[in-house]
PDB file of all heavy atoms in Angstrom:
ATOM      1  N   HIS A   1      85.294  47.357 238.098  1.00  0.00           N
ATOM      2  CA  HIS A   1      85.405  48.311 239.193  1.00  0.00           C
ATOM      3  C   HIS A   1      84.894  47.701 240.496  1.00  0.00           C
ATOM      4  O   HIS A   1      85.513  47.846 241.560  1.00  0.00           O
ATOM      5  CB  HIS A   1      84.620  49.581 238.859  1.00  0.00           C
ATOM      6  CG  HIS A   1      84.613  50.590 239.964  1.00  0.00           C
ATOM      7  ND1 HIS A   1      85.720  51.334 240.313  1.00  0.00           N
ATOM      8  CD2 HIS A   1      83.622  50.971 240.837  1.00  0.00           C
ATOM      9  CE1 HIS A   1      85.430  52.129 241.324  1.00  0.00           C
ATOM     10  NE2 HIS A   1      84.166  51.924 241.662  1.00  0.00           N
ATOM     11  N   ALA A   2      83.762  46.998 240.418  1.00  0.00           N
ATOM     12  CA  ALA A   2      83.202  46.370 241.616  1.00  0.00           C
ATOM     13  C   ALA A   2      84.141  45.298 242.162  1.00  0.00           C
ATOM     14  O   ALA A   2      84.349  45.181 243.379  1.00  0.00           O
ATOM     15  CB  ALA A   2      81.835  45.766 241.296  1.00  0.00           C
ATOM     16  N   ALA A   3      84.736  44.502 241.258  1.00  0.00           N
ATOM     17  CA  ALA A   3      85.649  43.444 241.691  1.00  0.00           C
ATOM     18  C   ALA A   3      86.898  44.035 242.336  1.00  0.00           C
ATOM     19  O   ALA A   3      87.389  43.531 243.353  1.00  0.00           O
ATOM     20  CB  ALA A   3      86.025  42.561 240.504  1.00  0.00           C
ATOM     21  N   THR A   4      87.419  45.131 241.747  1.00  0.00           N
ATOM     22  CA  THR A   4      88.608  45.771 242.299  1.00  0.00           C
ATOM     23  C   THR A   4      88.324  46.364 243.670  1.00  0.00           C
ATOM     24  O   THR A   4      89.120  46.226 244.607  1.00  0.00           O
ATOM     25  CB  THR A   4      89.107  46.873 241.348  1.00  0.00           C
ATOM     26  OG1 THR A   4      89.369  46.302 240.063  1.00  0.00           O
ATOM     27  CG2 THR A   4      90.371  47.528 241.882  1.00  0.00           C
ATOM     28  N   SER A   5      87.160  47.027 243.809  1.00  0.00           N
ATOM     29  CA  SER A   5      86.777  47.615 245.099  1.00  0.00           C
ATOM     30  C   SER A   5      86.603  46.543 246.156  1.00  0.00           C
ATOM     31  O   SER A   5      87.031  46.706 247.309  1.00  0.00           O
ATOM     32  CB  SER A   5      85.479  48.421 244.946  1.00  0.00           C
ATOM     33  OG  SER A   5      85.652  49.493 244.043  1.00  0.00           O
ATOM     34  N   ALA A   6      85.980  45.425 245.769  1.00  0.00           N
ATOM     35  CA  ALA A   6      85.770  44.335 246.719  1.00  0.00           C
ATOM     36  C   ALA A   6      87.099  43.737 247.161  1.00  0.00           C
ATOM     37  O   ALA A   6      87.289  43.402 248.339  1.00  0.00           O
ATOM     38  CB  ALA A   6      84.886  43.263 246.082  1.00  0.00           C
ATOM     39  N   GLU A   7      88.053  43.635 246.224  1.00  0.00           N
ATOM     40  CA  GLU A   7      89.369  43.077 246.552  1.00  0.00           C
ATOM     41  C   GLU A   7      90.118  43.993 247.509  1.00  0.00           C
ATOM     42  O   GLU A   7      90.749  43.536 248.472  1.00  0.00           O
ATOM     43  CB  GLU A   7      90.175  42.879 245.267  1.00  0.00           C
ATOM     44  CG  GLU A   7      91.491  42.150 245.442  1.00  0.00           C
ATOM     45  CD  GLU A   7      91.317  40.694 245.826  1.00  0.00           C
ATOM     46  OE1 GLU A   7      90.261  40.120 245.529  1.00  0.00           O
ATOM     47  OE2 GLU A   7      92.253  40.151 246.442  1.00  0.00           O
ATOM     48  N   ARG A   8      90.028  45.300 247.273  1.00  0.00           N
ATOM     49  CA  ARG A   8      90.702  46.246 248.162  1.00  0.00           C
ATOM     50  C   ARG A   8      90.069  46.235 249.546  1.00  0.00           C
ATOM     51  O   ARG A   8      90.768  46.275 250.567  1.00  0.00           O
ATOM     52  CB  ARG A   8      90.635  47.653 247.565  1.00  0.00           C
ATOM     53  CG  ARG A   8      91.548  47.837 246.360  1.00  0.00           C
ATOM     54  CD  ARG A   8      91.355  49.192 245.726  1.00  0.00           C
ATOM     55  NE  ARG A   8      92.269  49.413 244.621  1.00  0.00           N
ATOM     56  CZ  ARG A   8      92.165  50.397 243.753  1.00  0.00           C
ATOM     57  NH1 ARG A   8      91.166  51.267 243.851  1.00  0.00           N
ATOM     58  NH2 ARG A   8      93.048  50.530 242.776  1.00  0.00           N
ATOM     59  N   LEU A   9      88.734  46.198 249.577  1.00  0.00           N
ATOM     60  CA  LEU A   9      88.039  46.159 250.859  1.00  0.00           C
ATOM     61  C   LEU A   9      88.396  44.895 251.623  1.00  0.00           C
ATOM     62  O   LEU A   9      88.590  44.920 252.841  1.00  0.00           O
ATOM     63  CB  LEU A   9      86.524  46.233 250.627  1.00  0.00           C
ATOM     64  CG  LEU A   9      85.653  46.265 251.878  1.00  0.00           C
ATOM     65  CD1 LEU A   9      85.972  47.493 252.715  1.00  0.00           C
ATOM     66  CD2 LEU A   9      84.174  46.273 251.499  1.00  0.00           C
ATOM     67  N   ARG A  10      88.492  43.781 250.889  1.00  0.00           N
ATOM     68  CA  ARG A  10      88.858  42.527 251.532  1.00  0.00           C
ATOM     69  C   ARG A  10      90.272  42.601 252.095  1.00  0.00           C
ATOM     70  O   ARG A  10      90.552  42.091 253.193  1.00  0.00           O
ATOM     71  CB  ARG A  10      88.776  41.383 250.513  1.00  0.00           C
ATOM     72  CG  ARG A  10      89.046  40.013 251.105  1.00  0.00           C
ATOM     73  CD  ARG A  10      87.926  39.584 252.018  1.00  0.00           C
ATOM     74  NE  ARG A  10      88.284  38.398 252.775  1.00  0.00           N
ATOM     75  CZ  ARG A  10      87.478  37.801 253.627  1.00  0.00           C
ATOM     76  NH1 ARG A  10      86.253  38.285 253.834  1.00  0.00           N
ATOM     77  NH2 ARG A  10      87.856  36.736 254.286  1.00  0.00           N
ATOM     78  N   GLY A  11      91.186  43.261 251.367  1.00  0.00           N
ATOM     79  CA  GLY A  11      92.546  43.417 251.860  1.00  0.00           C
ATOM     80  C   GLY A  11      92.600  44.227 253.143  1.00  0.00           C
ATOM     81  O   GLY A  11      93.307  43.873 254.089  1.00  0.00           O
ATOM     82  N   LEU A  12      91.826  45.334 253.196  1.00  0.00           N
ATOM     83  CA  LEU A  12      91.767  46.147 254.412  1.00  0.00           C
ATOM     84  C   LEU A  12      91.155  45.363 255.562  1.00  0.00           C
ATOM     85  O   LEU A  12      91.590  45.447 256.708  1.00  0.00           O
ATOM     86  CB  LEU A  12      90.948  47.411 254.139  1.00  0.00           C
ATOM     87  CG  LEU A  12      91.566  48.418 253.175  1.00  0.00           C
ATOM     88  CD1 LEU A  12      90.577  49.537 252.872  1.00  0.00           C
ATOM     89  CD2 LEU A  12      92.850  49.005 253.765  1.00  0.00           C
ATOM     90  N   PHE A  13      90.120  44.599 255.243  1.00  0.00           N
ATOM     91  CA  PHE A  13      89.417  43.790 256.239  1.00  0.00           C
ATOM     92  C   PHE A  13      90.378  42.773 256.861  1.00  0.00           C
ATOM     93  O   PHE A  13      90.458  42.618 258.077  1.00  0.00           O
ATOM     94  CB  PHE A  13      88.240  43.093 255.561  1.00  0.00           C
ATOM     95  CG  PHE A  13      87.472  42.146 256.438  1.00  0.00           C
ATOM     96  CD1 PHE A  13      86.514  42.624 257.311  1.00  0.00           C
ATOM     97  CD2 PHE A  13      87.692  40.782 256.367  1.00  0.00           C
ATOM     98  CE1 PHE A  13      85.796  41.752 258.115  1.00  0.00           C
ATOM     99  CE2 PHE A  13      86.979  39.901 257.162  1.00  0.00           C
ATOM    100  CZ  PHE A  13      86.030  40.390 258.038  1.00  0.00           C
ATOM    101  N   ASP A  14      91.144  42.086 256.010  1.00  0.00           N
ATOM    102  CA  ASP A  14      92.049  41.050 256.496  1.00  0.00           C
ATOM    103  C   ASP A  14      93.249  41.641 257.236  1.00  0.00           C
ATOM    104  O   ASP A  14      93.785  41.010 258.152  1.00  0.00           O
ATOM    105  CB  ASP A  14      92.550  40.183 255.328  1.00  0.00           C
ATOM    106  CG  ASP A  14      91.453  39.282 254.772  1.00  0.00           C
ATOM    107  OD1 ASP A  14      90.450  39.047 255.481  1.00  0.00           O
ATOM    108  OD2 ASP A  14      91.592  38.822 253.614  1.00  0.00           O
ATOM    109  N   ALA A  15      93.683  42.846 256.823  1.00  0.00           N
ATOM    110  CA  ALA A  15      94.883  43.442 257.412  1.00  0.00           C
ATOM    111  C   ALA A  15      94.597  44.233 258.686  1.00  0.00           C
ATOM    112  O   ALA A  15      95.524  44.626 259.383  1.00  0.00           O
ATOM    113  CB  ALA A  15      95.565  44.355 256.390  1.00  0.00           C
ATOM    114  N   SER A  16      93.326  44.455 258.996  1.00  0.00           N
ATOM    115  CA  SER A  16      92.980  45.257 260.172  1.00  0.00           C
ATOM    116  C   SER A  16      93.501  44.601 261.446  1.00  0.00           C
ATOM    117  O   SER A  16      93.389  43.389 261.642  1.00  0.00           O
ATOM    118  CB  SER A  16      91.458  45.408 260.262  1.00  0.00           C
ATOM    119  OG  SER A  16      91.090  46.050 261.477  1.00  0.00           O
ATOM    120  N   VAL A  17      94.083  45.420 262.336  1.00  0.00           N
ATOM    121  CA  VAL A  17      94.573  44.893 263.611  1.00  0.00           C
ATOM    122  C   VAL A  17      93.442  44.779 264.623  1.00  0.00           C
ATOM    123  O   VAL A  17      93.618  44.187 265.690  1.00  0.00           O
ATOM    124  CB  VAL A  17      95.698  45.785 264.177  1.00  0.00           C
ATOM    125  CG1 VAL A  17      96.901  45.777 263.250  1.00  0.00           C
ATOM    126  CG2 VAL A  17      95.199  47.211 264.401  1.00  0.00           C
ATOM    127  N   ASP A  18      92.303  45.361 264.315  1.00  0.00           N
ATOM    128  CA  ASP A  18      91.134  45.279 265.195  1.00  0.00           C
ATOM    129  C   ASP A  18      90.178  44.212 264.684  1.00  0.00           C
ATOM    130  O   ASP A  18      90.030  44.019 263.475  1.00  0.00           O
ATOM    131  CB  ASP A  18      90.396  46.620 265.243  1.00  0.00           C
ATOM    132  CG  ASP A  18      91.243  47.719 265.861  1.00  0.00           C
ATOM    133  OD1 ASP A  18      91.897  47.431 266.886  1.00  0.00           O
ATOM    134  OD2 ASP A  18      91.243  48.834 265.324  1.00  0.00           O
ATOM    135  N   PRO A  19      89.489  43.535 265.592  1.00  0.00           N
ATOM    136  CA  PRO A  19      88.498  42.551 265.152  1.00  0.00           C
ATOM    137  C   PRO A  19      87.374  43.233 264.373  1.00  0.00           C
ATOM    138  O   PRO A  19      86.851  44.266 264.788  1.00  0.00           O
ATOM    139  CB  PRO A  19      87.963  41.974 266.470  1.00  0.00           C
ATOM    140  CG  PRO A  19      89.021  42.280 267.481  1.00  0.00           C
ATOM    141  CD  PRO A  19      89.625  43.570 267.055  1.00  0.00           C
ATOM    142  N   VAL A  20      87.044  42.678 263.232  1.00  0.00           N
ATOM    143  CA  VAL A  20      85.944  43.197 262.412  1.00  0.00           C
ATOM    144  C   VAL A  20      85.013  42.030 262.098  1.00  0.00           C
ATOM    145  O   VAL A  20      85.436  41.017 261.541  1.00  0.00           O
ATOM    146  CB  VAL A  20      86.449  43.829 261.105  1.00  0.00           C
ATOM    147  CG1 VAL A  20      85.269  44.356 260.281  1.00  0.00           C
ATOM    148  CG2 VAL A  20      87.428  44.953 261.388  1.00  0.00           C
ATOM    149  N   ILE A  21      83.759  42.185 262.466  1.00  0.00           N
ATOM    150  CA  ILE A  21      82.754  41.147 262.238  1.00  0.00           C
ATOM    151  C   ILE A  21      81.577  41.794 261.523  1.00  0.00           C
ATOM    152  O   ILE A  21      81.125  42.869 261.932  1.00  0.00           O
ATOM    153  CB  ILE A  21      82.277  40.535 263.571  1.00  0.00           C
ATOM    154  CG1 ILE A  21      83.464  40.002 264.371  1.00  0.00           C
ATOM    155  CG2 ILE A  21      81.251  39.425 263.331  1.00  0.00           C
ATOM    156  CD1 ILE A  21      83.123  39.684 265.819  1.00  0.00           C
ATOM    157  N   THR A  22      81.103  41.186 260.471  1.00  0.00           N
ATOM    158  CA  THR A  22      79.907  41.695 259.805  1.00  0.00           C
ATOM    159  C   THR A  22      78.796  40.669 259.959  1.00  0.00           C
ATOM    160  O   THR A  22      79.034  39.458 259.972  1.00  0.00           O
ATOM    161  CB  THR A  22      80.156  41.966 258.306  1.00  0.00           C
ATOM    162  OG1 THR A  22      80.509  40.736 257.645  1.00  0.00           O
ATOM    163  CG2 THR A  22      81.276  42.970 258.110  1.00  0.00           C
ATOM    164  N   ILE A  23      77.567  41.172 260.088  1.00  0.00           N
ATOM    165  CA  ILE A  23      76.402  40.311 260.274  1.00  0.00           C
ATOM    166  C   ILE A  23      75.293  40.740 259.324  1.00  0.00           C
ATOM    167  O   ILE A  23      75.322  41.848 258.769  1.00  0.00           O
ATOM    168  CB  ILE A  23      75.882  40.364 261.720  1.00  0.00           C
ATOM    169  CG1 ILE A  23      75.436  41.795 262.075  1.00  0.00           C
ATOM    170  CG2 ILE A  23      76.941  39.875 262.696  1.00  0.00           C
ATOM    171  CD1 ILE A  23      74.799  41.927 263.446  1.00  0.00           C
ATOM    172  N   ASP A  24      74.312  39.863 259.110  1.00  0.00           N
ATOM    173  CA  ASP A  24      73.160  40.226 258.297  1.00  0.00           C
ATOM    174  C   ASP A  24      72.028  40.710 259.191  1.00  0.00           C
ATOM    175  O   ASP A  24      72.209  40.893 260.409  1.00  0.00           O
ATOM    176  CB  ASP A  24      72.723  39.048 257.414  1.00  0.00           C
ATOM    177  CG  ASP A  24      72.251  37.846 258.220  1.00  0.00           C
ATOM    178  OD1 ASP A  24      72.030  37.979 259.446  1.00  0.00           O
ATOM    179  OD2 ASP A  24      72.078  36.759 257.616  1.00  0.00           O
ATOM    180  N   GLU A  25      70.841  40.930 258.609  1.00  0.00           N
ATOM    181  CA  GLU A  25      69.728  41.492 259.371  1.00  0.00           C
ATOM    182  C   GLU A  25      69.192  40.528 260.430  1.00  0.00           C
ATOM    183  O   GLU A  25      68.462  40.934 261.336  1.00  0.00           O
ATOM    184  CB  GLU A  25      68.588  41.910 258.423  1.00  0.00           C
ATOM    185  CG  GLU A  25      67.848  40.760 257.752  1.00  0.00           C
ATOM    186  CD  GLU A  25      68.587  40.230 256.541  1.00  0.00           C
ATOM    187  OE1 GLU A  25      69.685  40.756 256.241  1.00  0.00           O
ATOM    188  OE2 GLU A  25      68.066  39.293 255.901  1.00  0.00           O
ATOM    189  N   ARG A  26      69.577  39.257 260.341  1.00  0.00           N
ATOM    190  CA  ARG A  26      69.143  38.284 261.351  1.00  0.00           C
ATOM    191  C   ARG A  26      70.180  38.109 262.457  1.00  0.00           C
ATOM    192  O   ARG A  26      69.969  37.337 263.389  1.00  0.00           O
ATOM    193  CB  ARG A  26      68.864  36.937 260.690  1.00  0.00           C
ATOM    194  CG  ARG A  26      67.722  36.950 259.694  1.00  0.00           C
ATOM    195  CD  ARG A  26      67.665  35.646 258.928  1.00  0.00           C
ATOM    196  NE  ARG A  26      68.878  35.469 258.119  1.00  0.00           N
ATOM    197  CZ  ARG A  26      69.194  34.339 257.493  1.00  0.00           C
ATOM    198  NH1 ARG A  26      68.399  33.288 257.602  1.00  0.00           N
ATOM    199  NH2 ARG A  26      70.307  34.261 256.774  1.00  0.00           N
ATOM    200  N   GLY A  27      71.309  38.815 262.332  1.00  0.00           N
ATOM    201  CA  GLY A  27      72.360  38.699 263.327  1.00  0.00           C
ATOM    202  C   GLY A  27      73.327  37.568 263.053  1.00  0.00           C
ATOM    203  O   GLY A  27      74.181  37.257 263.893  1.00  0.00           O
ATOM    204  N   LEU A  28      73.226  36.947 261.862  1.00  0.00           N
ATOM    205  CA  LEU A  28      74.127  35.854 261.518  1.00  0.00           C
ATOM    206  C   LEU A  28      75.452  36.407 261.000  1.00  0.00           C
ATOM    207  O   LEU A  28      75.474  37.359 260.218  1.00  0.00           O
ATOM    208  CB  LEU A  28      73.489  34.945 260.467  1.00  0.00           C
ATOM    209  CG  LEU A  28      72.143  34.311 260.848  1.00  0.00           C
ATOM    210  CD1 LEU A  28      71.666  33.385 259.733  1.00  0.00           C
ATOM    211  CD2 LEU A  28      72.249  33.562 262.173  1.00  0.00           C
ATOM    212  N   VAL A  29      76.546  35.818 261.436  1.00  0.00           N
ATOM    213  CA  VAL A  29      77.884  36.287 261.065  1.00  0.00           C
ATOM    214  C   VAL A  29      78.149  35.996 259.594  1.00  0.00           C
ATOM    215  O   VAL A  29      77.976  34.867 259.123  1.00  0.00           O
ATOM    216  CB  VAL A  29      78.956  35.613 261.939  1.00  0.00           C
ATOM    217  CG1 VAL A  29      80.353  36.025 261.475  1.00  0.00           C
ATOM    218  CG2 VAL A  29      78.759  35.990 263.402  1.00  0.00           C
ATOM    219  N   LEU A  30      78.562  37.023 258.866  1.00  0.00           N
ATOM    220  CA  LEU A  30      78.913  36.883 257.452  1.00  0.00           C
ATOM    221  C   LEU A  30      80.418  36.775 257.253  1.00  0.00           C
ATOM    222  O   LEU A  30      80.888  35.957 256.462  1.00  0.00           O
ATOM    223  CB  LEU A  30      78.371  38.074 256.657  1.00  0.00           C
ATOM    224  CG  LEU A  30      76.857  38.266 256.653  1.00  0.00           C
ATOM    225  CD1 LEU A  30      76.492  39.539 255.906  1.00  0.00           C
ATOM    226  CD2 LEU A  30      76.168  37.070 256.023  1.00  0.00           C
ATOM    227  N   THR A  31      81.173  37.624 257.940  1.00  0.00           N
ATOM    228  CA  THR A  31      82.631  37.605 257.817  1.00  0.00           C
ATOM    229  C   THR A  31      83.260  37.780 259.187  1.00  0.00           C
ATOM    230  O   THR A  31      82.686  38.416 260.081  1.00  0.00           O
ATOM    231  CB  THR A  31      83.144  38.721 256.883  1.00  0.00           C
ATOM    232  OG1 THR A  31      82.690  39.997 257.368  1.00  0.00           O
ATOM    233  CG2 THR A  31      82.649  38.523 255.464  1.00  0.00           C
ATOM    234  N   PHE A  32      84.460  37.224 259.325  1.00  0.00           N
ATOM    235  CA  PHE A  32      85.155  37.179 260.610  1.00  0.00           C
ATOM    236  C   PHE A  32      86.637  37.314 260.296  1.00  0.00           C
ATOM    237  O   PHE A  32      87.263  36.372 259.832  1.00  0.00           O
ATOM    238  CB  PHE A  32      84.845  35.825 261.267  1.00  0.00           C
ATOM    239  CG  PHE A  32      85.022  35.769 262.755  1.00  0.00           C
ATOM    240  CD1 PHE A  32      84.138  36.414 263.600  1.00  0.00           C
ATOM    241  CD2 PHE A  32      86.058  35.026 263.303  1.00  0.00           C
ATOM    242  CE1 PHE A  32      84.287  36.327 264.978  1.00  0.00           C
ATOM    243  CE2 PHE A  32      86.219  34.935 264.672  1.00  0.00           C
ATOM    244  CZ  PHE A  32      85.329  35.584 265.523  1.00  0.00           C
ATOM    245  N   ASN A  33      87.206  38.514 260.519  1.00  0.00           N
ATOM    246  CA  ASN A  33      88.570  38.749 260.038  1.00  0.00           C
ATOM    247  C   ASN A  33      89.616  38.083 260.938  1.00  0.00           C
ATOM    248  O   ASN A  33      89.296  37.609 262.037  1.00  0.00           O
ATOM    249  CB  ASN A  33      88.825  40.250 259.868  1.00  0.00           C
ATOM    250  CG  ASN A  33      89.106  40.950 261.178  1.00  0.00           C
ATOM    251  OD1 ASN A  33      88.697  40.496 262.238  1.00  0.00           O
ATOM    252  ND2 ASN A  33      89.804  42.074 261.116  1.00  0.00           N
ATOM    253  N   PRO A  34      90.869  38.003 260.470  1.00  0.00           N
ATOM    254  CA  PRO A  34      91.912  37.318 261.253  1.00  0.00           C
ATOM    255  C   PRO A  34      92.084  37.864 262.660  1.00  0.00           C
ATOM    256  O   PRO A  34      92.342  37.097 263.598  1.00  0.00           O
ATOM    257  CB  PRO A  34      93.176  37.539 260.412  1.00  0.00           C
ATOM    258  CG  PRO A  34      92.662  37.647 259.010  1.00  0.00           C
ATOM    259  CD  PRO A  34      91.358  38.386 259.131  1.00  0.00           C
ATOM    260  N   ALA A  35      91.952  39.199 262.838  1.00  0.00           N
ATOM    261  CA  ALA A  35      92.088  39.761 264.185  1.00  0.00           C
ATOM    262  C   ALA A  35      90.984  39.253 265.098  1.00  0.00           C
ATOM    263  O   ALA A  35      91.214  38.988 266.286  1.00  0.00           O
ATOM    264  CB  ALA A  35      92.054  41.292 264.110  1.00  0.00           C
ATOM    265  N   ALA A  36      89.777  39.109 264.559  1.00  0.00           N
ATOM    266  CA  ALA A  36      88.674  38.565 265.347  1.00  0.00           C
ATOM    267  C   ALA A  36      88.945  37.118 265.725  1.00  0.00           C
ATOM    268  O   ALA A  36      88.612  36.670 266.833  1.00  0.00           O
ATOM    269  CB  ALA A  36      87.367  38.686 264.574  1.00  0.00           C
ATOM    270  N   GLN A  37      89.553  36.374 264.821  1.00  0.00           N
ATOM    271  CA  GLN A  37      89.897  34.979 265.118  1.00  0.00           C
ATOM    272  C   GLN A  37      90.872  34.918 266.292  1.00  0.00           C
ATOM    273  O   GLN A  37      90.756  34.063 267.170  1.00  0.00           O
ATOM    274  CB  GLN A  37      90.516  34.323 263.883  1.00  0.00           C
ATOM    275  CG  GLN A  37      89.592  34.257 262.673  1.00  0.00           C
ATOM    276  CD  GLN A  37      90.323  33.806 261.421  1.00  0.00           C
ATOM    277  OE1 GLN A  37      91.156  32.903 261.480  1.00  0.00           O
ATOM    278  NE2 GLN A  37      90.029  34.432 260.293  1.00  0.00           N
ATOM    279  N   THR A  38      91.827  35.855 266.318  1.00  0.00           N
ATOM    280  CA  THR A  38      92.821  35.879 267.391  1.00  0.00           C
ATOM    281  C   THR A  38      92.180  36.246 268.722  1.00  0.00           C
ATOM    282  O   THR A  38      92.450  35.626 269.754  1.00  0.00           O
ATOM    283  CB  THR A  38      93.940  36.880 267.061  1.00  0.00           C
ATOM    284  OG1 THR A  38      94.566  36.502 265.830  1.00  0.00           O
ATOM    285  CG2 THR A  38      94.977  36.927 268.165  1.00  0.00           C
TER     286      THR A  38
END
């Protein structure tokens, strides 16, 4: 269930037309989706 949820979330993250950036508590970037790259 966790793997399936993570895969779906990753699909939404990658398909988003808006830039999505996630960071940790130190402000370091964890993920940077394709829209953010653009």
